[in-house]
Amino acid sequence: MRVTALPPYEPPIAEYLEERWATPPANQWSQGPLRDDRTTRELSWRMLLLLMECLEGKRPLTQLHTILTPPVYEAMLTRTRTPSRLAHRLMSLRTCHVAPGVVEICASVRVSPRTYPDAWRLRAVAGRLAQTNGTWRCTALRLVGS
């Protein structure tokens, strides 16, 4: 028995020889001074921790009046009117720079009753931070899964 290779049975594809992929142009703002991921991540983490303390009743919301825009402040004021019996723990945080001076955040928060800490569930938090005049403020905040 003799084994031989088969002759090529498909014609060469012209597209295969051409360059099919191109590197997209870099964003104009990605190299600017506002692109410090570590600073914005730490700022976002700290802001969310402060908001969780307000939800638990450990901190008055009036302390955060300067870092929240009026709509977000009013929404949080509505949520904190009744004392919560839940403990909140920030588990993870992701940040995304969408424009110069604008960062979108998403986080997962572990929520458990204070009397039964093993009966926990996860909630999502989404928000947006904007920098104006060198100050970061929370312009949007949603707590998902209430």
Protein backbone atom coordinates (compact mmCIF):
# COMPACT_ATOMS: atom_id res chain seq x y z
CA MET A 1 0.00 0.00 0.00
CA ARG A 2 1.32 3.38 -0.92
CA VAL A 3 0.25 6.69 0.72
CA THR A 4 0.52 9.95 -1.16
CA ALA A 5 -0.52 13.46 -0.29
CA LEU A 6 -3.60 14.89 -1.88
CA PRO A 7 -3.14 17.74 -4.32
CA PRO A 8 -4.43 21.16 -3.19
CA TYR A 9 -8.15 21.22 -3.86
CA GLU A 10 -9.07 24.80 -2.87
CA PRO A 11 -7.84 27.91 -4.64
CA PRO A 12 -5.90 30.39 -2.51
CA ILE A 13 -8.07 33.11 -0.99
CA ALA A 14 -7.07 36.62 -1.95
CA GLU A 15 -8.34 38.00 1.39
CA TYR A 16 -5.98 35.70 3.25
CA LEU A 17 -3.00 37.45 1.77
CA GLU A 18 -4.31 40.94 2.65
CA GLU A 19 -4.07 42.57 6.05
CA ARG A 20 -7.50 42.06 7.56
CA TRP A 21 -7.08 43.66 10.98
CA ALA A 22 -6.13 47.21 11.80
CA THR A 23 -5.40 48.75 15.16
CA PRO A 24 -8.06 51.33 16.03
CA PRO A 25 -6.83 54.84 16.81
CA ALA A 26 -6.23 55.62 20.47
CA ASN A 27 -8.72 57.81 22.27
CA GLN A 28 -7.59 61.40 22.48
CA TRP A 29 -8.22 61.60 26.22
CA SER A 30 -6.78 58.25 27.26
CA GLN A 31 -3.30 59.69 27.74
CA GLY A 32 -4.48 62.70 29.77
CA PRO A 33 -3.95 63.33 33.48
CA LEU A 34 -7.46 62.08 34.38
CA ARG A 35 -6.56 58.50 33.43
CA ASP A 36 -5.22 57.53 36.86
CA ASP A 37 -7.16 54.29 37.41
CA ARG A 38 -5.82 53.66 40.89
CA THR A 39 -6.87 57.09 42.20
CA THR A 40 -10.38 56.90 40.77
CA ARG A 41 -10.78 53.31 41.95
CA GLU A 42 -9.75 54.20 45.50
CA LEU A 43 -12.01 57.24 45.42
CA SER A 44 -14.93 55.15 44.17
CA TRP A 45 -14.29 52.45 46.78
CA ARG A 46 -14.21 55.01 49.60
CA MET A 47 -17.35 56.76 48.35
CA LEU A 48 -19.26 53.47 48.20
CA LEU A 49 -18.09 52.55 51.70
CA LEU A 50 -19.41 55.87 52.99
CA LEU A 51 -22.73 55.28 51.23
CA MET A 52 -23.00 51.79 52.75
CA GLU A 53 -22.42 53.30 56.19
CA CYS A 54 -25.26 55.74 55.51
CA LEU A 55 -27.56 52.89 54.47
CA GLU A 56 -26.75 51.05 57.71
CA GLY A 57 -27.41 54.15 59.80
CA LYS A 58 -23.82 54.41 61.05
CA ARG A 59 -23.19 57.77 59.35
CA PRO A 60 -25.53 60.71 58.72
CA LEU A 61 -26.13 61.36 55.03
CA THR A 62 -25.56 65.09 55.50
CA GLN A 63 -21.81 64.35 55.69
CA LEU A 64 -21.88 63.26 52.05
CA HIS A 65 -23.82 66.26 50.77
CA THR A 66 -20.74 67.72 49.04
CA ILE A 67 -19.87 64.59 47.03
CA LEU A 68 -23.43 63.82 45.84
CA THR A 69 -25.40 65.78 43.27
CA PRO A 70 -28.90 66.90 44.38
CA PRO A 71 -30.81 64.06 42.62
CA VAL A 72 -28.53 61.38 44.11
CA TYR A 73 -28.68 63.04 47.52
CA GLU A 74 -32.51 63.08 47.43
CA ALA A 75 -32.63 59.42 46.38
CA MET A 76 -30.28 58.41 49.19
CA LEU A 77 -32.25 60.56 51.63
CA THR A 78 -35.37 58.57 50.71
CA ARG A 79 -33.55 55.26 51.23
CA THR A 80 -32.13 56.24 54.61
CA ARG A 81 -35.36 57.57 56.16
CA THR A 82 -36.12 54.26 57.84
CA PRO A 83 -33.32 52.60 59.79
CA SER A 84 -31.94 49.52 58.07
CA ARG A 85 -31.43 46.22 59.85
CA LEU A 86 -29.08 45.06 57.12
CA ALA A 87 -25.31 44.97 57.07
CA HIS A 88 -23.63 45.93 53.80
CA ARG A 89 -20.19 44.79 52.68
CA LEU A 90 -18.57 45.96 49.49
CA MET A 91 -17.24 42.88 47.70
CA SER A 92 -15.96 44.07 44.31
CA LEU A 93 -15.69 47.22 42.24
CA ARG A 94 -15.07 47.90 38.56
CA THR A 95 -14.38 51.32 37.06
CA CYS A 96 -14.55 52.47 33.45
CA HIS A 97 -13.38 55.84 32.11
CA VAL A 98 -16.02 56.82 29.53
CA ALA A 99 -14.92 60.42 28.90
CA PRO A 100 -12.46 62.93 30.30
CA GLY A 101 -13.40 63.44 33.93
CA VAL A 102 -16.22 60.84 33.85
CA VAL A 103 -15.99 57.40 35.45
CA GLU A 104 -18.72 54.75 35.52
CA ILE A 105 -18.65 52.25 38.35
CA CYS A 106 -20.29 48.94 39.06
CA ALA A 107 -19.97 47.03 42.30
CA SER A 108 -21.31 44.00 44.10
CA VAL A 109 -22.43 44.41 47.69
CA ARG A 110 -23.05 41.60 50.15
CA VAL A 111 -26.21 42.32 52.15
CA SER A 112 -27.13 40.31 55.24
CA PRO A 113 -29.44 40.75 58.21
CA ARG A 114 -27.54 41.79 61.31
CA THR A 115 -29.15 38.99 63.32
CA TYR A 116 -28.35 36.27 60.73
CA PRO A 117 -25.06 37.14 59.01
CA ASP A 118 -24.96 33.81 57.15
CA ALA A 119 -28.21 34.58 55.30
CA TRP A 120 -26.63 36.95 52.80
CA ARG A 121 -27.41 37.91 49.23
CA LEU A 122 -25.66 40.00 46.61
CA ARG A 123 -26.86 43.30 45.24
CA ALA A 124 -25.47 45.29 42.38
CA VAL A 125 -24.61 48.97 42.51
CA ALA A 126 -24.08 51.09 39.40
CA GLY A 127 -23.10 54.72 39.29
CA ARG A 128 -21.32 57.54 37.60
CA LEU A 129 -18.72 59.96 38.96
CA ALA A 130 -17.92 63.24 37.25
CA GLN A 131 -15.06 65.60 37.91
CA THR A 132 -15.82 69.32 37.88
CA ASN A 133 -13.33 71.95 39.02
CA GLY A 134 -11.05 69.24 40.40
CA THR A 135 -13.76 67.69 42.60
CA TRP A 136 -15.30 64.27 42.00
CA ARG A 137 -19.07 64.05 42.59
CA CYS A 138 -21.49 61.16 42.23
CA THR A 139 -23.99 62.12 39.51
CA ALA A 140 -25.89 58.83 39.25
CA LEU A 141 -26.34 55.89 41.61
CA ARG A 142 -28.58 52.82 41.39
CA LEU A 143 -28.88 50.00 43.91
CA VAL A 144 -30.20 46.99 42.01
CA GLY A 145 -31.96 44.05 43.63
CA SER A 146 -33.81 45.63 46.53
